[in-house]
Amino acid sequence: MSDISADGLAEGPRFVQRAFPHDLAGSVERITGYQENGQALHLAAEIAAMVVPLVISFSDPFEIALGRDPTADDRYASFTSGLYPGFVLINSTGASQCVQIDFTPLGAYRFFGMPMSEIAGSMVTLEDLNDRGILELRDRIAALNNWSARLDIVEEFVRQRIRSSDAVTSPILSAYETIVRRGGNIRVAEIAASLDWSRKHLNERFRELVGVGPKTVSRMIRFNNAVGIARSGTRHSWADVAYAAGYADQAHLTREFVEFSGSTPGRLSEPHHR
């Protein structure tokens, strides 16, 4: 059993994590337990991250909306959501508890065993997903009151799912890794030519295995790289960040930041802005 670490203030949310299981590298980014202790979220912002979350809740639901303020009609407890090239806003009651598994896009394809285009840019409840195994997992961990036991069960469930699925060895894996390695700075035509595919076929295959097309993936990766540079602790001008991340200029960077985070670059780079 891996070590457990917890972080959070007594009146604020608690995050419970463990040493990352290396055999899940490439499929899972992290597995986190989350427990609120009275401090509610109000329009907490999540940027366009390159992960597909699976949230399994055993307490109050969240209000979550893609690209807009959530309302009482946007309540979700346990859910997943595919890649979304935009920001997400979240409210909570201050009494939410959940486990969140963040999959890589191709890891999500293996875990869910379905085209990622079916959940991209949408909120999907476990009931709508209609996956008996995940529903049973929710019931198992909801009956427990121990974070270590919960994370043990979730980790092993994810491990068995991934192991029993077919590895993604298609040219899409190579193309995706190339986009990541190039920091999103590669033209779709260049990727298609390297595979001897048409751009249409490349887009179709990307949407099936990743959820969105290669151009959108490239933009999201470039944006996340820019966020990482801005938050690195080294002082950079925004012109320097734009250049380092591969943007045409600072204005281009600003437009992408607003679209993908709902915020200006200066605001997003603050360490506590979520």
C-alpha atoms as a PDB file:
ATOM      1  CA  MET A   1       0.000   0.000   0.000  1.00  0.00           C
ATOM      2  CA  SER A   2       1.380   3.395  -0.977  1.00  0.00           C
ATOM      3  CA  ASP A   3       1.898   6.229   1.466  1.00  0.00           C
ATOM      4  CA  ILE A   4      -0.964   8.669   2.023  1.00  0.00           C
ATOM      5  CA  SER A   5      -0.446  12.401   2.280  1.00  0.00           C
ATOM      6  CA  ALA A   6      -3.080  14.975   3.168  1.00  0.00           C
ATOM      7  CA  ASP A   7      -3.181  18.705   2.613  1.00  0.00           C
ATOM      8  CA  GLY A   8      -5.748  21.298   3.535  1.00  0.00           C
ATOM      9  CA  LEU A   9      -6.830  23.690   6.270  1.00  0.00           C
ATOM     10  CA  ALA A  10      -9.193  22.605   9.032  1.00  0.00           C
ATOM     11  CA  GLU A  11     -11.922  24.864   7.682  1.00  0.00           C
ATOM     12  CA  GLY A  12     -11.088  24.299   4.034  1.00  0.00           C
ATOM     13  CA  PRO A  13     -10.917  21.367   1.625  1.00  0.00           C
ATOM     14  CA  ARG A  14      -8.672  18.409   2.293  1.00  0.00           C
ATOM     15  CA  PHE A  15      -6.809  16.697  -0.526  1.00  0.00           C
ATOM     16  CA  VAL A  16      -5.660  13.123   0.022  1.00  0.00           C
ATOM     17  CA  GLN A  17      -3.098  11.659  -2.353  1.00  0.00           C
ATOM     18  CA  ARG A  18      -0.610   8.839  -2.415  1.00  0.00           C
ATOM     19  CA  ALA A  19       2.619   8.037  -4.183  1.00  0.00           C
ATOM     20  CA  PHE A  20       1.817   7.674  -7.871  1.00  0.00           C
ATOM     21  CA  PRO A  21       1.458   4.055  -9.083  1.00  0.00           C
ATOM     22  CA  HIS A  22       4.121   3.898 -11.785  1.00  0.00           C
ATOM     23  CA  ASP A  23       2.517   0.975 -13.584  1.00  0.00           C
ATOM     24  CA  LEU A  24      -0.342   3.327 -14.498  1.00  0.00           C
ATOM     25  CA  ALA A  25       1.946   5.972 -16.002  1.00  0.00           C
ATOM     26  CA  GLY A  26       0.731   7.065 -19.409  1.00  0.00           C
ATOM     27  CA  SER A  27      -2.861   6.221 -18.526  1.00  0.00           C
ATOM     28  CA  VAL A  28      -3.460   8.026 -15.216  1.00  0.00           C
ATOM     29  CA  GLU A  29      -2.164  11.417 -14.089  1.00  0.00           C
ATOM     30  CA  ARG A  30      -3.313  11.247 -10.462  1.00  0.00           C
ATOM     31  CA  ILE A  31      -5.858   9.796  -8.033  1.00  0.00           C
ATOM     32  CA  THR A  32      -7.090  12.196  -5.359  1.00  0.00           C
ATOM     33  CA  GLY A  33      -9.447  12.101  -2.416  1.00  0.00           C
ATOM     34  CA  TYR A  34     -11.263  15.395  -1.796  1.00  0.00           C
ATOM     35  CA  GLN A  35     -13.146  16.343   1.341  1.00  0.00           C
ATOM     36  CA  GLU A  36     -14.706  19.705   2.148  1.00  0.00           C
ATOM     37  CA  ASN A  37     -14.900  20.885   5.736  1.00  0.00           C
ATOM     38  CA  GLY A  38     -17.387  23.704   5.536  1.00  0.00           C
ATOM     39  CA  GLN A  39     -15.727  26.054   3.064  1.00  0.00           C
ATOM     40  CA  ALA A  40     -17.824  26.136  -0.107  1.00  0.00           C
ATOM     41  CA  LEU A  41     -16.517  26.767  -3.602  1.00  0.00           C
ATOM     42  CA  HIS A  42     -17.963  29.741  -5.463  1.00  0.00           C
ATOM     43  CA  LEU A  43     -17.204  29.991  -9.166  1.00  0.00           C
ATOM     44  CA  ALA A  44     -13.936  28.119  -8.718  1.00  0.00           C
ATOM     45  CA  ALA A  45     -12.312  27.973 -12.133  1.00  0.00           C
ATOM     46  CA  GLU A  46     -10.628  24.985 -13.751  1.00  0.00           C
ATOM     47  CA  ILE A  47      -8.625  25.579 -16.910  1.00  0.00           C
ATOM     48  CA  ALA A  48      -8.685  23.479 -20.085  1.00  0.00           C
ATOM     49  CA  ALA A  49      -6.593  20.623 -18.730  1.00  0.00           C
ATOM     50  CA  MET A  50      -5.368  17.667 -20.770  1.00  0.00           C
ATOM     51  CA  VAL A  51      -7.055  15.105 -18.513  1.00  0.00           C
ATOM     52  CA  VAL A  52     -10.365  13.251 -18.472  1.00  0.00           C
ATOM     53  CA  PRO A  53     -11.673  13.203 -14.885  1.00  0.00           C
ATOM     54  CA  LEU A  54     -13.828  10.534 -13.312  1.00  0.00           C
ATOM     55  CA  VAL A  55     -15.386  11.868 -10.100  1.00  0.00           C
ATOM     56  CA  ILE A  56     -16.993   9.398  -7.694  1.00  0.00           C
ATOM     57  CA  SER A  57     -18.934  11.246  -5.004  1.00  0.00           C
ATOM     58  CA  PHE A  58     -20.370  10.092  -1.680  1.00  0.00           C
ATOM     59  CA  SER A  59     -21.761  13.348  -0.334  1.00  0.00           C
ATOM     60  CA  ASP A  60     -23.202  16.655  -1.591  1.00  0.00           C
ATOM     61  CA  PRO A  61     -23.121  17.253  -5.362  1.00  0.00           C
ATOM     62  CA  PHE A  62     -21.293  20.058  -7.113  1.00  0.00           C
ATOM     63  CA  GLU A  63     -22.749  22.688  -9.423  1.00  0.00           C
ATOM     64  CA  ILE A  64     -20.595  22.556 -12.569  1.00  0.00           C
ATOM     65  CA  ALA A  65     -20.926  24.262 -15.943  1.00  0.00           C
ATOM     66  CA  LEU A  66     -18.676  24.356 -18.987  1.00  0.00           C
ATOM     67  CA  GLY A  67     -17.795  27.882 -20.077  1.00  0.00           C
ATOM     68  CA  ARG A  68     -20.428  29.677 -17.992  1.00  0.00           C
ATOM     69  CA  ASP A  69     -21.697  30.237 -14.453  1.00  0.00           C
ATOM     70  CA  PRO A  70     -23.378  27.106 -13.036  1.00  0.00           C
ATOM     71  CA  THR A  71     -26.952  27.133 -11.765  1.00  0.00           C
ATOM     72  CA  ALA A  72     -29.055  24.877  -9.557  1.00  0.00           C
ATOM     73  CA  ASP A  73     -29.878  22.896 -12.708  1.00  0.00           C
ATOM     74  CA  ASP A  74     -26.200  21.957 -13.119  1.00  0.00           C
ATOM     75  CA  ARG A  75     -25.850  19.641 -10.113  1.00  0.00           C
ATOM     76  CA  TYR A  76     -23.558  16.650 -10.509  1.00  0.00           C
ATOM     77  CA  ALA A  77     -22.367  14.161  -7.912  1.00  0.00           C
ATOM     78  CA  SER A  78     -20.567  11.301  -9.693  1.00  0.00           C
ATOM     79  CA  PHE A  79     -19.651  12.024 -13.311  1.00  0.00           C
ATOM     80  CA  THR A  80     -17.056  12.099 -16.026  1.00  0.00           C
ATOM     81  CA  SER A  81     -16.299  14.674 -18.693  1.00  0.00           C
ATOM     82  CA  GLY A  82     -14.176  14.376 -21.813  1.00  0.00           C
ATOM     83  CA  LEU A  83     -11.687  16.938 -23.048  1.00  0.00           C
ATOM     84  CA  TYR A  84     -13.162  20.429 -23.221  1.00  0.00           C
ATOM     85  CA  PRO A  85     -11.290  23.321 -24.871  1.00  0.00           C
ATOM     86  CA  GLY A  86     -12.510  25.904 -22.398  1.00  0.00           C
ATOM     87  CA  PHE A  87     -12.874  26.718 -18.722  1.00  0.00           C
ATOM     88  CA  VAL A  88     -15.121  25.114 -16.122  1.00  0.00           C
ATOM     89  CA  LEU A  89     -16.768  26.889 -13.176  1.00  0.00           C
ATOM     90  CA  ILE A  90     -17.688  25.058  -9.966  1.00  0.00           C
ATOM     91  CA  ASN A  91     -19.815  25.741  -6.903  1.00  0.00           C
ATOM     92  CA  SER A  92     -20.138  23.476  -3.875  1.00  0.00           C
ATOM     93  CA  THR A  93     -21.942  23.391  -0.532  1.00  0.00           C
ATOM     94  CA  GLY A  94     -18.825  22.948   1.614  1.00  0.00           C
ATOM     95  CA  ALA A  95     -19.792  19.334   2.385  1.00  0.00           C
ATOM     96  CA  SER A  96     -18.671  17.495  -0.751  1.00  0.00           C
ATOM     97  CA  GLN A  97     -16.547  14.342  -0.656  1.00  0.00           C
ATOM     98  CA  CYS A  98     -15.273  12.436  -3.667  1.00  0.00           C
ATOM     99  CA  VAL A  99     -12.475  10.508  -5.271  1.00  0.00           C
ATOM    100  CA  GLN A 100     -11.224  11.889  -8.581  1.00  0.00           C
ATOM    101  CA  ILE A 101      -9.223   9.883 -11.109  1.00  0.00           C
ATOM    102  CA  ASP A 102      -7.562  12.025 -13.781  1.00  0.00           C
ATOM    103  CA  PHE A 103      -6.900   9.979 -16.912  1.00  0.00           C
ATOM    104  CA  THR A 104      -4.751  10.904 -19.854  1.00  0.00           C
ATOM    105  CA  PRO A 105      -6.919  11.097 -22.990  1.00  0.00           C
ATOM    106  CA  LEU A 106      -5.649   7.764 -24.306  1.00  0.00           C
ATOM    107  CA  GLY A 107      -5.833   6.251 -20.826  1.00  0.00           C
ATOM    108  CA  ALA A 108      -9.487   7.271 -20.672  1.00  0.00           C
ATOM    109  CA  TYR A 109     -10.097   5.576 -24.018  1.00  0.00           C
ATOM    110  CA  ARG A 110      -8.672   2.341 -22.607  1.00  0.00           C
ATOM    111  CA  PHE A 111     -10.506   2.641 -19.279  1.00  0.00           C
ATOM    112  CA  PHE A 112     -13.978   3.505 -20.589  1.00  0.00           C
ATOM    113  CA  GLY A 113     -13.725   1.368 -23.728  1.00  0.00           C
ATOM    114  CA  MET A 114     -15.713   3.824 -25.811  1.00  0.00           C
ATOM    115  CA  PRO A 115     -15.044   6.584 -28.375  1.00  0.00           C
ATOM    116  CA  MET A 116     -13.920   9.671 -26.482  1.00  0.00           C
ATOM    117  CA  SER A 117     -15.965  11.819 -28.849  1.00  0.00           C
ATOM    118  CA  GLU A 118     -19.071  10.553 -27.007  1.00  0.00           C
ATOM    119  CA  ILE A 119     -18.127  12.392 -23.793  1.00  0.00           C
ATOM    120  CA  ALA A 120     -15.944  15.246 -25.109  1.00  0.00           C
ATOM    121  CA  GLY A 121     -17.160  18.690 -24.081  1.00  0.00           C
ATOM    122  CA  SER A 122     -20.009  17.370 -21.943  1.00  0.00           C
ATOM    123  CA  MET A 123     -20.903  16.394 -18.388  1.00  0.00           C
ATOM    124  CA  VAL A 124     -21.907  12.725 -18.163  1.00  0.00           C
ATOM    125  CA  THR A 125     -23.347  11.210 -14.974  1.00  0.00           C
ATOM    126  CA  LEU A 126     -22.539   7.638 -14.011  1.00  0.00           C
ATOM    127  CA  GLU A 127     -26.164   6.743 -14.615  1.00  0.00           C
ATOM    128  CA  ASP A 128     -25.954   8.109 -18.169  1.00  0.00           C
ATOM    129  CA  LEU A 129     -22.624   6.355 -18.653  1.00  0.00           C
ATOM    130  CA  ASN A 130     -24.382   3.117 -17.643  1.00  0.00           C
ATOM    131  CA  ASP A 131     -21.171   1.291 -16.692  1.00  0.00           C
ATOM    132  CA  ARG A 132     -22.078  -1.369 -14.132  1.00  0.00           C
ATOM    133  CA  GLY A 133     -18.512  -1.780 -12.904  1.00  0.00           C
ATOM    134  CA  ILE A 134     -18.098   1.915 -12.092  1.00  0.00           C
ATOM    135  CA  LEU A 135     -21.527   2.055 -10.453  1.00  0.00           C
ATOM    136  CA  GLU A 136     -20.578  -0.874  -8.223  1.00  0.00           C
ATOM    137  CA  LEU A 137     -17.259   0.817  -7.429  1.00  0.00           C
ATOM    138  CA  ARG A 138     -19.139   3.919  -6.283  1.00  0.00           C
ATOM    139  CA  ASP A 139     -21.269   1.842  -3.934  1.00  0.00           C
ATOM    140  CA  ARG A 140     -18.215   0.055  -2.502  1.00  0.00           C
ATOM    141  CA  ILE A 141     -16.245   3.154  -1.618  1.00  0.00           C
ATOM    142  CA  ALA A 142     -19.313   5.081  -0.454  1.00  0.00           C
ATOM    143  CA  ALA A 143     -19.779   2.443   2.259  1.00  0.00           C
ATOM    144  CA  LEU A 144     -16.289   3.109   3.647  1.00  0.00           C
ATOM    145  CA  ASN A 145     -15.104   5.868   5.951  1.00  0.00           C
ATOM    146  CA  ASN A 146     -11.361   5.455   5.412  1.00  0.00           C
ATOM    147  CA  TRP A 147      -9.429   7.303   2.734  1.00  0.00           C
ATOM    148  CA  SER A 148      -6.636   4.738   2.530  1.00  0.00           C
ATOM    149  CA  ALA A 149      -9.116   1.912   1.924  1.00  0.00           C
ATOM    150  CA  ARG A 150     -11.033   3.981  -0.626  1.00  0.00           C
ATOM    151  CA  LEU A 151      -7.916   4.793  -2.623  1.00  0.00           C
ATOM    152  CA  ASP A 152      -6.728   1.166  -2.433  1.00  0.00           C
ATOM    153  CA  ILE A 153      -9.973  -0.034  -4.004  1.00  0.00           C
ATOM    154  CA  VAL A 154     -10.066   2.684  -6.665  1.00  0.00           C
ATOM    155  CA  GLU A 155      -6.433   2.188  -7.642  1.00  0.00           C
ATOM    156  CA  GLU A 156      -6.828  -1.558  -8.027  1.00  0.00           C
ATOM    157  CA  PHE A 157     -10.075  -1.159 -10.000  1.00  0.00           C
ATOM    158  CA  VAL A 158      -8.380   1.256 -12.423  1.00  0.00           C
ATOM    159  CA  ARG A 159      -5.328  -1.014 -12.693  1.00  0.00           C
ATOM    160  CA  GLN A 160      -7.404  -4.059 -13.603  1.00  0.00           C
ATOM    161  CA  ARG A 161      -9.439  -2.105 -16.156  1.00  0.00           C
ATOM    162  CA  ILE A 162      -6.319  -0.770 -17.851  1.00  0.00           C
ATOM    163  CA  ARG A 163      -4.564  -4.147 -17.834  1.00  0.00           C
ATOM    164  CA  SER A 164      -7.555  -5.898 -19.375  1.00  0.00           C
ATOM    165  CA  SER A 165      -7.872  -3.350 -22.195  1.00  0.00           C
ATOM    166  CA  ASP A 166      -5.963  -3.242 -25.446  1.00  0.00           C
ATOM    167  CA  ALA A 167      -3.005  -0.891 -25.475  1.00  0.00           C
ATOM    168  CA  VAL A 168      -3.249   2.029 -27.888  1.00  0.00           C
ATOM    169  CA  THR A 169      -0.544   1.252 -30.421  1.00  0.00           C
ATOM    170  CA  SER A 170      -2.092   2.899 -33.457  1.00  0.00           C
ATOM    171  CA  PRO A 171      -0.427   5.808 -35.271  1.00  0.00           C
ATOM    172  CA  ILE A 172      -2.580   8.111 -33.125  1.00  0.00           C
ATOM    173  CA  LEU A 173      -0.378   7.301 -30.113  1.00  0.00           C
ATOM    174  CA  SER A 174       2.710   8.357 -32.042  1.00  0.00           C
ATOM    175  CA  ALA A 175       0.965  11.475 -33.339  1.00  0.00           C
ATOM    176  CA  TYR A 176      -0.266  12.427 -29.864  1.00  0.00           C
ATOM    177  CA  GLU A 177       3.187  11.951 -28.346  1.00  0.00           C
ATOM    178  CA  THR A 178       4.681  14.078 -31.122  1.00  0.00           C
ATOM    179  CA  ILE A 179       2.265  16.919 -30.337  1.00  0.00           C
ATOM    180  CA  VAL A 180       3.166  16.706 -26.643  1.00  0.00           C
ATOM    181  CA  ARG A 181       6.900  16.601 -27.396  1.00  0.00           C
ATOM    182  CA  ARG A 182       6.607  19.624 -29.690  1.00  0.00           C
ATOM    183  CA  GLY A 183       4.602  21.553 -27.100  1.00  0.00           C
ATOM    184  CA  GLY A 184       1.663  21.821 -29.464  1.00  0.00           C
ATOM    185  CA  ASN A 185       3.757  23.614 -32.074  1.00  0.00           C
ATOM    186  CA  ILE A 186       3.196  21.422 -35.092  1.00  0.00           C
ATOM    187  CA  ARG A 187       0.846  21.778 -38.044  1.00  0.00           C
ATOM    188  CA  VAL A 188      -1.910  19.232 -38.591  1.00  0.00           C
ATOM    189  CA  ALA A 189      -0.814  18.874 -42.218  1.00  0.00           C
ATOM    190  CA  GLU A 190       2.659  17.833 -41.040  1.00  0.00           C
ATOM    191  CA  ILE A 191       1.224  15.149 -38.761  1.00  0.00           C
ATOM    192  CA  ALA A 192      -1.080  13.829 -41.488  1.00  0.00           C
ATOM    193  CA  ALA A 193       1.787  13.715 -43.994  1.00  0.00           C
ATOM    194  CA  SER A 194       4.001  11.798 -41.570  1.00  0.00           C
ATOM    195  CA  LEU A 195       1.305   9.115 -41.326  1.00  0.00           C
ATOM    196  CA  ASP A 196       0.425   9.222 -45.019  1.00  0.00           C
ATOM    197  CA  TRP A 197      -3.155  10.014 -43.996  1.00  0.00           C
ATOM    198  CA  SER A 198      -5.583  12.649 -45.140  1.00  0.00           C
ATOM    199  CA  ARG A 199      -6.331  15.436 -42.660  1.00  0.00           C
ATOM    200  CA  LYS A 200      -9.940  14.242 -42.545  1.00  0.00           C
ATOM    201  CA  HIS A 201      -8.951  10.715 -41.541  1.00  0.00           C
ATOM    202  CA  LEU A 202      -6.509  12.065 -38.941  1.00  0.00           C
ATOM    203  CA  ASN A 203      -9.238  14.225 -37.408  1.00  0.00           C
ATOM    204  CA  GLU A 204     -11.706  11.334 -37.314  1.00  0.00           C
ATOM    205  CA  ARG A 205      -9.265   9.001 -35.589  1.00  0.00           C
ATOM    206  CA  PHE A 206      -8.197  11.681 -33.107  1.00  0.00           C
ATOM    207  CA  ARG A 207     -11.786  12.414 -32.156  1.00  0.00           C
ATOM    208  CA  GLU A 208     -12.421   8.707 -31.584  1.00  0.00           C
ATOM    209  CA  LEU A 209      -9.374   8.026 -29.379  1.00  0.00           C
ATOM    210  CA  VAL A 210      -8.731  11.460 -27.827  1.00  0.00           C
ATOM    211  CA  GLY A 211     -12.084  13.250 -28.021  1.00  0.00           C
ATOM    212  CA  VAL A 212     -11.106  16.338 -30.002  1.00  0.00           C
ATOM    213  CA  GLY A 213      -9.104  16.964 -33.150  1.00  0.00           C
ATOM    214  CA  PRO A 214      -5.306  17.339 -33.320  1.00  0.00           C
ATOM    215  CA  LYS A 215      -5.457  21.112 -33.835  1.00  0.00           C
ATOM    216  CA  THR A 216      -7.469  21.548 -30.636  1.00  0.00           C
ATOM    217  CA  VAL A 217      -5.139  19.186 -28.761  1.00  0.00           C
ATOM    218  CA  SER A 218      -2.158  21.223 -29.950  1.00  0.00           C
ATOM    219  CA  ARG A 219      -3.733  24.473 -28.746  1.00  0.00           C
ATOM    220  CA  MET A 220      -4.581  22.994 -25.345  1.00  0.00           C
ATOM    221  CA  ILE A 221      -1.071  21.615 -24.867  1.00  0.00           C
ATOM    222  CA  ARG A 222       0.527  24.926 -25.885  1.00  0.00           C
ATOM    223  CA  PHE A 223      -1.751  26.780 -23.459  1.00  0.00           C
ATOM    224  CA  ASN A 224      -0.906  24.436 -20.567  1.00  0.00           C
ATOM    225  CA  ASN A 225       2.790  24.819 -21.328  1.00  0.00           C
ATOM    226  CA  ALA A 226       2.390  28.595 -21.153  1.00  0.00           C
ATOM    227  CA  VAL A 227       0.635  28.289 -17.788  1.00  0.00           C
ATOM    228  CA  GLY A 228       3.494  26.119 -16.534  1.00  0.00           C
ATOM    229  CA  ILE A 229       6.083  28.662 -17.658  1.00  0.00           C
ATOM    230  CA  ALA A 230       4.168  31.502 -16.025  1.00  0.00           C
ATOM    231  CA  ARG A 231       3.899  29.589 -12.752  1.00  0.00           C
ATOM    232  CA  SER A 232       7.465  28.267 -12.743  1.00  0.00           C
ATOM    233  CA  GLY A 233       8.682  30.789 -10.183  1.00  0.00           C
ATOM    234  CA  THR A 234      11.011  32.462 -12.654  1.00  0.00           C
ATOM    235  CA  ARG A 235      10.077  36.001 -13.578  1.00  0.00           C
ATOM    236  CA  HIS A 236       9.065  36.278 -17.226  1.00  0.00           C
ATOM    237  CA  SER A 237       7.428  39.029 -19.220  1.00  0.00           C
ATOM    238  CA  TRP A 238       4.282  37.904 -21.005  1.00  0.00           C
ATOM    239  CA  ALA A 239       6.054  38.504 -24.291  1.00  0.00           C
ATOM    240  CA  ASP A 240       8.738  36.045 -23.146  1.00  0.00           C
ATOM    241  CA  VAL A 241       6.091  33.491 -22.115  1.00  0.00           C
ATOM    242  CA  ALA A 242       4.389  33.858 -25.502  1.00  0.00           C
ATOM    243  CA  TYR A 243       7.682  33.306 -27.316  1.00  0.00           C
ATOM    244  CA  ALA A 244       8.727  30.335 -25.164  1.00  0.00           C
ATOM    245  CA  ALA A 245       5.366  28.588 -25.586  1.00  0.00           C
ATOM    246  CA  GLY A 246       5.279  29.141 -29.336  1.00  0.00           C
ATOM    247  CA  TYR A 247       2.613  31.824 -29.704  1.00  0.00           C
ATOM    248  CA  ALA A 248       2.771  34.306 -32.569  1.00  0.00           C
ATOM    249  CA  ASP A 249       2.782  37.207 -30.116  1.00  0.00           C
ATOM    250  CA  GLN A 250       1.466  38.331 -26.736  1.00  0.00           C
ATOM    251  CA  ALA A 251      -1.950  39.203 -28.161  1.00  0.00           C
ATOM    252  CA  HIS A 252      -2.295  35.630 -29.459  1.00  0.00           C
ATOM    253  CA  LEU A 253      -1.404  34.292 -26.007  1.00  0.00           C
ATOM    254  CA  THR A 254      -3.959  36.555 -24.347  1.00  0.00           C
ATOM    255  CA  ARG A 255      -6.768  35.408 -26.650  1.00  0.00           C
ATOM    256  CA  GLU A 256      -5.981  31.765 -25.913  1.00  0.00           C
ATOM    257  CA  PHE A 257      -5.822  32.396 -22.160  1.00  0.00           C
ATOM    258  CA  VAL A 258      -9.244  34.012 -22.130  1.00  0.00           C
ATOM    259  CA  GLU A 259     -10.759  31.178 -24.165  1.00  0.00           C
ATOM    260  CA  PHE A 260      -9.169  28.332 -22.210  1.00  0.00           C
ATOM    261  CA  SER A 261      -9.314  29.779 -18.700  1.00  0.00           C
ATOM    262  CA  GLY A 262     -11.942  32.534 -18.732  1.00  0.00           C
ATOM    263  CA  SER A 263      -9.273  34.808 -17.298  1.00  0.00           C
ATOM    264  CA  THR A 264      -6.466  37.129 -18.327  1.00  0.00           C
ATOM    265  CA  PRO A 265      -2.877  35.814 -18.222  1.00  0.00           C
ATOM    266  CA  GLY A 266      -1.964  37.950 -15.216  1.00  0.00           C
ATOM    267  CA  ARG A 267      -4.875  36.648 -13.162  1.00  0.00           C
ATOM    268  CA  LEU A 268      -4.394  32.999 -14.113  1.00  0.00           C
ATOM    269  CA  SER A 269      -0.697  32.951 -13.243  1.00  0.00           C
ATOM    270  CA  GLU A 270      -1.438  33.698  -9.573  1.00  0.00           C
ATOM    271  CA  PRO A 271      -0.530  30.534  -7.590  1.00  0.00           C
ATOM    272  CA  HIS A 272      -3.905  30.194  -5.851  1.00  0.00           C
ATOM    273  CA  HIS A 273      -6.110  30.797  -8.890  1.00  0.00           C
ATOM    274  CA  ARG A 274      -7.734  27.451  -9.685  1.00  0.00           C
END
